Amino acid sequence: VPIGWTNDASGQEISWLMPNLGGWFTGLTERYAMLNNWLENGRSVMKAYWLTGFTNAQGFLTGMRQEVTRQNKKSQWALDDVISHTEVLAVDMERVRDVPDEGQNIWGLFVEGGRWSRQDSRLEEAEPKKLFMPMPAIFVTATTVRDLKGMGINYGPNGPYNAAVYKYPKRNDRYLIFRLMLKTEVHPYHWKLRGVCLTAQTD
């Protein structure tokens, strides 16, 4: 992929990095389709957003948190006190029925080093010879620490696994999008030692 298509003159990344031109162009057409659908038809048709389709996925999630904060203006939420909250849904993007009132549904993530059990809604061991496993759609919203504690969410006997979500399989802070909590029946250190994380693409 020509460097001029992925980076501007200052070296800033303006497009997703891909190992070959075919994959890059396929991604370009899929991103165009999603963004054009959003532009032409409005948010009412966007039941779930393809997170990989955003060059700046962090900006999309920050905008979502700002919007949810404004929706809770009566509760006097401050943007500095708002945190992300996620729920892994039991269905894929195609079967998401409704647009949420607050927050957004995202899809297109893969779990590396483990797998998500849809039946039990928890993190489990990876299948043999399968490095990446697709995740179902994920509901992402914003809340406060106090309200999150009030929800009484059961993440398992030892608490949740705090999984990092990266743009690429390259793991560094530059490509970190955000973090989400995953339910696990074993201790979170079990998954940490296995290097389990989520990625927005597998190449």
C-alpha atoms as a PDB file:
ATOM      1  CA  VAL A   1       0.000   0.000   0.000  1.00  0.00           C
ATOM      2  CA  PRO A   2       1.565   3.341  -0.982  1.00  0.00           C
ATOM      3  CA  ILE A   3       2.655   5.356   2.061  1.00  0.00           C
ATOM      4  CA  GLY A   4       0.815   8.374   0.680  1.00  0.00           C
ATOM      5  CA  TRP A   5      -2.465   6.477   1.004  1.00  0.00           C
ATOM      6  CA  THR A   6      -1.928   5.591   4.673  1.00  0.00           C
ATOM      7  CA  ASN A   7      -0.030   8.596   6.074  1.00  0.00           C
ATOM      8  CA  ASP A   8      -0.092  12.334   5.437  1.00  0.00           C
ATOM      9  CA  ALA A   9       3.000  14.483   4.823  1.00  0.00           C
ATOM     10  CA  SER A  10       3.685  14.791   8.561  1.00  0.00           C
ATOM     11  CA  GLY A  11       3.620  11.004   9.003  1.00  0.00           C
ATOM     12  CA  GLN A  12       0.209  11.015  10.736  1.00  0.00           C
ATOM     13  CA  GLU A  13      -1.824   7.883  10.043  1.00  0.00           C
ATOM     14  CA  ILE A  14      -4.875   8.809   7.948  1.00  0.00           C
ATOM     15  CA  SER A  15      -5.920   5.310   6.922  1.00  0.00           C
ATOM     16  CA  TRP A  16      -5.824   1.833   8.403  1.00  0.00           C
ATOM     17  CA  LEU A  17      -2.621  -0.105   7.790  1.00  0.00           C
ATOM     18  CA  MET A  18      -2.914  -3.310   5.778  1.00  0.00           C
ATOM     19  CA  PRO A  19      -0.273  -5.778   4.534  1.00  0.00           C
ATOM     20  CA  ASN A  20      -1.519  -5.786   0.917  1.00  0.00           C
ATOM     21  CA  LEU A  21      -3.323  -3.525  -1.540  1.00  0.00           C
ATOM     22  CA  GLY A  22      -6.227  -5.923  -2.090  1.00  0.00           C
ATOM     23  CA  GLY A  23      -7.149  -5.969   1.582  1.00  0.00           C
ATOM     24  CA  TRP A  24      -6.713  -2.206   1.859  1.00  0.00           C
ATOM     25  CA  PHE A  25      -9.021  -1.512  -1.093  1.00  0.00           C
ATOM     26  CA  THR A  26     -11.664  -3.950   0.163  1.00  0.00           C
ATOM     27  CA  GLY A  27     -11.593  -2.174   3.517  1.00  0.00           C
ATOM     28  CA  LEU A  28     -11.891   1.189   1.764  1.00  0.00           C
ATOM     29  CA  THR A  29     -15.066   0.184  -0.077  1.00  0.00           C
ATOM     30  CA  GLU A  30     -16.595  -1.317   3.093  1.00  0.00           C
ATOM     31  CA  ARG A  31     -15.802   1.832   5.066  1.00  0.00           C
ATOM     32  CA  TYR A  32     -17.305   3.988   2.336  1.00  0.00           C
ATOM     33  CA  ALA A  33     -20.485   1.878   2.386  1.00  0.00           C
ATOM     34  CA  MET A  34     -20.898   2.247   6.168  1.00  0.00           C
ATOM     35  CA  LEU A  35     -20.146   5.974   6.325  1.00  0.00           C
ATOM     36  CA  ASN A  36     -22.280   6.752   3.267  1.00  0.00           C
ATOM     37  CA  ASN A  37     -25.199   4.783   4.716  1.00  0.00           C
ATOM     38  CA  TRP A  38     -24.868   6.799   7.937  1.00  0.00           C
ATOM     39  CA  LEU A  39     -24.677  10.089   5.994  1.00  0.00           C
ATOM     40  CA  GLU A  40     -27.526   9.423   3.574  1.00  0.00           C
ATOM     41  CA  ASN A  41     -29.994   7.654   5.890  1.00  0.00           C
ATOM     42  CA  GLY A  42     -29.203   9.041   9.336  1.00  0.00           C
ATOM     43  CA  ARG A  43     -28.633   7.327  12.644  1.00  0.00           C
ATOM     44  CA  SER A  44     -32.027   5.644  12.682  1.00  0.00           C
ATOM     45  CA  VAL A  45     -30.665   2.930  10.351  1.00  0.00           C
ATOM     46  CA  MET A  46     -27.369   2.457  12.214  1.00  0.00           C
ATOM     47  CA  LYS A  47     -28.166  -0.444  14.517  1.00  0.00           C
ATOM     48  CA  ALA A  48     -24.445  -1.177  14.941  1.00  0.00           C
ATOM     49  CA  TYR A  49     -21.244   0.564  13.842  1.00  0.00           C
ATOM     50  CA  TRP A  50     -18.278  -1.268  12.349  1.00  0.00           C
ATOM     51  CA  LEU A  51     -15.519  -0.080  14.683  1.00  0.00           C
ATOM     52  CA  THR A  52     -12.807  -1.035  12.190  1.00  0.00           C
ATOM     53  CA  GLY A  53     -14.424   1.388   9.752  1.00  0.00           C
ATOM     54  CA  PHE A  54     -13.258   4.416  11.722  1.00  0.00           C
ATOM     55  CA  THR A  55      -9.741   5.726  11.225  1.00  0.00           C
ATOM     56  CA  ASN A  56     -10.107   7.384  14.638  1.00  0.00           C
ATOM     57  CA  ALA A  57     -12.180   4.890  16.621  1.00  0.00           C
ATOM     58  CA  GLN A  58     -11.223   6.613  19.891  1.00  0.00           C
ATOM     59  CA  GLY A  59     -12.849   9.813  18.619  1.00  0.00           C
ATOM     60  CA  PHE A  60     -16.079   7.964  17.843  1.00  0.00           C
ATOM     61  CA  LEU A  61     -16.223   6.513  21.367  1.00  0.00           C
ATOM     62  CA  THR A  62     -15.353   9.883  22.950  1.00  0.00           C
ATOM     63  CA  GLY A  63     -18.184  11.509  21.005  1.00  0.00           C
ATOM     64  CA  MET A  64     -20.548   8.794  22.217  1.00  0.00           C
ATOM     65  CA  ARG A  65     -19.555   9.460  25.850  1.00  0.00           C
ATOM     66  CA  GLN A  66     -20.130  13.193  25.361  1.00  0.00           C
ATOM     67  CA  GLU A  67     -23.563  12.540  23.902  1.00  0.00           C
ATOM     68  CA  VAL A  68     -24.617  10.241  26.766  1.00  0.00           C
ATOM     69  CA  THR A  69     -23.356  12.846  29.252  1.00  0.00           C
ATOM     70  CA  ARG A  70     -25.586  15.471  27.620  1.00  0.00           C
ATOM     71  CA  GLN A  71     -28.538  13.051  27.703  1.00  0.00           C
ATOM     72  CA  ASN A  72     -28.049  12.775  31.482  1.00  0.00           C
ATOM     73  CA  LYS A  73     -27.796  16.510  32.047  1.00  0.00           C
ATOM     74  CA  LYS A  74     -30.592  16.370  34.655  1.00  0.00           C
ATOM     75  CA  SER A  75     -28.486  13.997  36.748  1.00  0.00           C
ATOM     76  CA  GLN A  76     -25.660  16.569  36.605  1.00  0.00           C
ATOM     77  CA  TRP A  77     -23.119  14.221  35.099  1.00  0.00           C
ATOM     78  CA  ALA A  78     -19.702  15.756  34.510  1.00  0.00           C
ATOM     79  CA  LEU A  79     -17.749  14.542  31.483  1.00  0.00           C
ATOM     80  CA  ASP A  80     -14.632  14.057  33.629  1.00  0.00           C
ATOM     81  CA  ASP A  81     -16.553  11.618  35.865  1.00  0.00           C
ATOM     82  CA  VAL A  82     -18.027   9.538  33.038  1.00  0.00           C
ATOM     83  CA  ILE A  83     -16.538   6.142  32.181  1.00  0.00           C
ATOM     84  CA  SER A  84     -17.241   3.669  29.387  1.00  0.00           C
ATOM     85  CA  HIS A  85     -19.455   0.679  30.100  1.00  0.00           C
ATOM     86  CA  THR A  86     -19.805  -2.296  27.758  1.00  0.00           C
ATOM     87  CA  GLU A  87     -22.070  -5.304  27.451  1.00  0.00           C
ATOM     88  CA  VAL A  88     -21.298  -8.149  25.057  1.00  0.00           C
ATOM     89  CA  LEU A  89     -24.544  -9.018  23.293  1.00  0.00           C
ATOM     90  CA  ALA A  90     -25.644 -12.550  22.497  1.00  0.00           C
ATOM     91  CA  VAL A  91     -26.084 -11.861  18.772  1.00  0.00           C
ATOM     92  CA  ASP A  92     -24.071 -10.802  15.745  1.00  0.00           C
ATOM     93  CA  MET A  93     -24.500  -7.435  14.051  1.00  0.00           C
ATOM     94  CA  GLU A  94     -26.996  -8.810  11.515  1.00  0.00           C
ATOM     95  CA  ARG A  95     -29.410  -9.789  14.308  1.00  0.00           C
ATOM     96  CA  VAL A  96     -29.301  -6.549  16.291  1.00  0.00           C
ATOM     97  CA  ARG A  97     -32.888  -5.298  16.177  1.00  0.00           C
ATOM     98  CA  ASP A  98     -33.076  -1.817  17.659  1.00  0.00           C
ATOM     99  CA  VAL A  99     -31.009   1.347  17.844  1.00  0.00           C
ATOM    100  CA  PRO A 100     -30.240   1.976  21.542  1.00  0.00           C
ATOM    101  CA  ASP A 101     -31.607   5.123  23.211  1.00  0.00           C
ATOM    102  CA  GLU A 102     -28.208   5.788  24.793  1.00  0.00           C
ATOM    103  CA  GLY A 103     -24.803   4.601  23.650  1.00  0.00           C
ATOM    104  CA  GLN A 104     -24.079   2.607  20.493  1.00  0.00           C
ATOM    105  CA  ASN A 105     -23.649  -0.982  19.334  1.00  0.00           C
ATOM    106  CA  ILE A 106     -20.320  -1.826  17.729  1.00  0.00           C
ATOM    107  CA  TRP A 107     -19.111  -4.905  15.855  1.00  0.00           C
ATOM    108  CA  GLY A 108     -16.081  -6.220  13.995  1.00  0.00           C
ATOM    109  CA  LEU A 109     -13.845  -7.098  16.958  1.00  0.00           C
ATOM    110  CA  PHE A 110     -11.892 -10.328  17.411  1.00  0.00           C
ATOM    111  CA  VAL A 111     -10.630 -11.940  20.608  1.00  0.00           C
ATOM    112  CA  GLU A 112      -7.041 -13.175  20.528  1.00  0.00           C
ATOM    113  CA  GLY A 113      -5.859 -15.931  22.860  1.00  0.00           C
ATOM    114  CA  GLY A 114      -9.318 -17.003  23.978  1.00  0.00           C
ATOM    115  CA  ARG A 115     -12.916 -17.106  22.817  1.00  0.00           C
ATOM    116  CA  TRP A 116     -16.243 -15.683  23.889  1.00  0.00           C
ATOM    117  CA  SER A 117     -18.877 -18.255  24.840  1.00  0.00           C
ATOM    118  CA  ARG A 118     -22.193 -16.930  23.603  1.00  0.00           C
ATOM    119  CA  GLN A 119     -24.102 -19.611  25.478  1.00  0.00           C
ATOM    120  CA  ASP A 120     -22.561 -18.789  28.861  1.00  0.00           C
ATOM    121  CA  SER A 121     -21.689 -15.130  28.140  1.00  0.00           C
ATOM    122  CA  ARG A 122     -18.128 -15.407  29.385  1.00  0.00           C
ATOM    123  CA  LEU A 123     -14.510 -15.706  28.316  1.00  0.00           C
ATOM    124  CA  GLU A 124     -13.292 -19.241  27.728  1.00  0.00           C
ATOM    125  CA  GLU A 125     -10.256 -21.088  26.373  1.00  0.00           C
ATOM    126  CA  ALA A 126      -9.414 -20.675  22.705  1.00  0.00           C
ATOM    127  CA  GLU A 127     -10.216 -23.451  20.282  1.00  0.00           C
ATOM    128  CA  PRO A 128      -7.195 -25.429  19.002  1.00  0.00           C
ATOM    129  CA  LYS A 129      -5.312 -23.767  16.123  1.00  0.00           C
ATOM    130  CA  LYS A 130      -7.599 -20.704  16.149  1.00  0.00           C
ATOM    131  CA  LEU A 131      -5.703 -17.563  17.097  1.00  0.00           C
ATOM    132  CA  PHE A 132      -8.535 -15.073  16.449  1.00  0.00           C
ATOM    133  CA  MET A 133     -12.215 -15.636  17.171  1.00  0.00           C
ATOM    134  CA  PRO A 134     -14.953 -13.153  16.192  1.00  0.00           C
ATOM    135  CA  MET A 135     -16.844 -11.387  18.967  1.00  0.00           C
ATOM    136  CA  PRO A 136     -20.596 -10.757  18.884  1.00  0.00           C
ATOM    137  CA  ALA A 137     -21.915  -7.202  18.741  1.00  0.00           C
ATOM    138  CA  ILE A 138     -21.019  -5.120  21.805  1.00  0.00           C
ATOM    139  CA  PHE A 139     -23.132  -2.395  23.389  1.00  0.00           C
ATOM    140  CA  VAL A 140     -20.995   0.564  24.465  1.00  0.00           C
ATOM    141  CA  THR A 141     -22.346   3.376  26.594  1.00  0.00           C
ATOM    142  CA  ALA A 142     -21.222   5.737  29.332  1.00  0.00           C
ATOM    143  CA  THR A 143     -22.015   5.852  33.021  1.00  0.00           C
ATOM    144  CA  THR A 144     -20.567   7.031  36.304  1.00  0.00           C
ATOM    145  CA  VAL A 145     -18.638   4.858  38.749  1.00  0.00           C
ATOM    146  CA  ARG A 146     -21.447   5.194  41.284  1.00  0.00           C
ATOM    147  CA  ASP A 147     -24.141   4.155  38.818  1.00  0.00           C
ATOM    148  CA  LEU A 148     -22.001   1.251  37.580  1.00  0.00           C
ATOM    149  CA  LYS A 149     -21.707  -0.102  41.126  1.00  0.00           C
ATOM    150  CA  GLY A 150     -25.473   0.234  41.502  1.00  0.00           C
ATOM    151  CA  MET A 151     -26.046  -2.027  38.491  1.00  0.00           C
ATOM    152  CA  GLY A 152     -24.647  -4.999  40.435  1.00  0.00           C
ATOM    153  CA  ILE A 153     -23.184  -6.660  37.329  1.00  0.00           C
ATOM    154  CA  ASN A 154     -21.865 -10.184  37.890  1.00  0.00           C
ATOM    155  CA  TYR A 155     -18.476 -10.467  36.180  1.00  0.00           C
ATOM    156  CA  GLY A 156     -17.618 -13.762  37.864  1.00  0.00           C
ATOM    157  CA  PRO A 157     -16.300 -14.887  41.265  1.00  0.00           C
ATOM    158  CA  ASN A 158     -12.972 -13.042  40.908  1.00  0.00           C
ATOM    159  CA  GLY A 159     -14.150  -9.968  39.046  1.00  0.00           C
ATOM    160  CA  PRO A 160     -13.846  -9.041  35.370  1.00  0.00           C
ATOM    161  CA  TYR A 161     -10.961  -9.403  32.973  1.00  0.00           C
ATOM    162  CA  ASN A 162      -9.965  -5.903  31.884  1.00  0.00           C
ATOM    163  CA  ALA A 163      -9.293  -6.527  28.186  1.00  0.00           C
ATOM    164  CA  ALA A 164      -7.476  -4.076  25.953  1.00  0.00           C
ATOM    165  CA  VAL A 165      -8.897  -3.400  22.476  1.00  0.00           C
ATOM    166  CA  TYR A 166      -6.280  -2.664  19.804  1.00  0.00           C
ATOM    167  CA  LYS A 167      -6.586  -1.446  16.219  1.00  0.00           C
ATOM    168  CA  TYR A 168      -4.128  -4.094  15.040  1.00  0.00           C
ATOM    169  CA  PRO A 169      -2.533  -7.251  16.450  1.00  0.00           C
ATOM    170  CA  LYS A 170       0.444  -4.964  17.198  1.00  0.00           C
ATOM    171  CA  ARG A 171       0.117  -4.311  20.908  1.00  0.00           C
ATOM    172  CA  ASN A 172       1.234  -0.872  21.993  1.00  0.00           C
ATOM    173  CA  ASP A 173      -0.312   2.276  23.431  1.00  0.00           C
ATOM    174  CA  ARG A 174      -0.370   3.925  20.025  1.00  0.00           C
ATOM    175  CA  TYR A 175      -2.903   1.417  18.739  1.00  0.00           C
ATOM    176  CA  LEU A 176      -4.955   1.055  21.952  1.00  0.00           C
ATOM    177  CA  ILE A 177      -8.597   2.032  21.295  1.00  0.00           C
ATOM    178  CA  PHE A 178     -10.159   1.437  24.724  1.00  0.00           C
ATOM    179  CA  ARG A 179     -10.611  -1.240  27.373  1.00  0.00           C
ATOM    180  CA  LEU A 180     -13.644  -3.331  28.270  1.00  0.00           C
ATOM    181  CA  MET A 181     -14.612  -5.673  31.087  1.00  0.00           C
ATOM    182  CA  LEU A 182     -15.304  -9.313  30.257  1.00  0.00           C
ATOM    183  CA  LYS A 183     -16.982 -11.888  32.477  1.00  0.00           C
ATOM    184  CA  THR A 184     -14.808 -14.834  33.480  1.00  0.00           C
ATOM    185  CA  GLU A 185     -15.284 -17.788  35.796  1.00  0.00           C
ATOM    186  CA  VAL A 186     -11.531 -18.103  36.407  1.00  0.00           C
ATOM    187  CA  HIS A 187      -9.182 -15.514  37.862  1.00  0.00           C
ATOM    188  CA  PRO A 188      -8.431 -12.601  35.473  1.00  0.00           C
ATOM    189  CA  TYR A 189      -4.692 -13.355  35.806  1.00  0.00           C
ATOM    190  CA  HIS A 190      -5.381 -16.602  33.926  1.00  0.00           C
ATOM    191  CA  TRP A 191      -6.203 -14.561  30.809  1.00  0.00           C
ATOM    192  CA  LYS A 192      -3.519 -11.984  31.458  1.00  0.00           C
ATOM    193  CA  LEU A 193      -0.860 -14.702  31.357  1.00  0.00           C
ATOM    194  CA  ARG A 194      -2.297 -15.883  28.038  1.00  0.00           C
ATOM    195  CA  GLY A 195      -2.135 -12.355  26.633  1.00  0.00           C
ATOM    196  CA  VAL A 196      -5.845 -12.241  25.798  1.00  0.00           C
ATOM    197  CA  CYS A 197      -6.971  -9.047  24.099  1.00  0.00           C
ATOM    198  CA  LEU A 198      -9.383  -7.824  21.446  1.00  0.00           C
ATOM    199  CA  THR A 199      -8.347  -6.486  18.050  1.00  0.00           C
ATOM    200  CA  ALA A 200     -10.256  -4.582  15.376  1.00  0.00           C
ATOM    201  CA  GLN A 201      -8.534  -6.498  12.575  1.00  0.00           C
ATOM    202  CA  THR A 202      -6.449  -9.635  12.281  1.00  0.00           C
ATOM    203  CA  ASP A 203      -3.881  -8.558   9.654  1.00  0.00           C
END
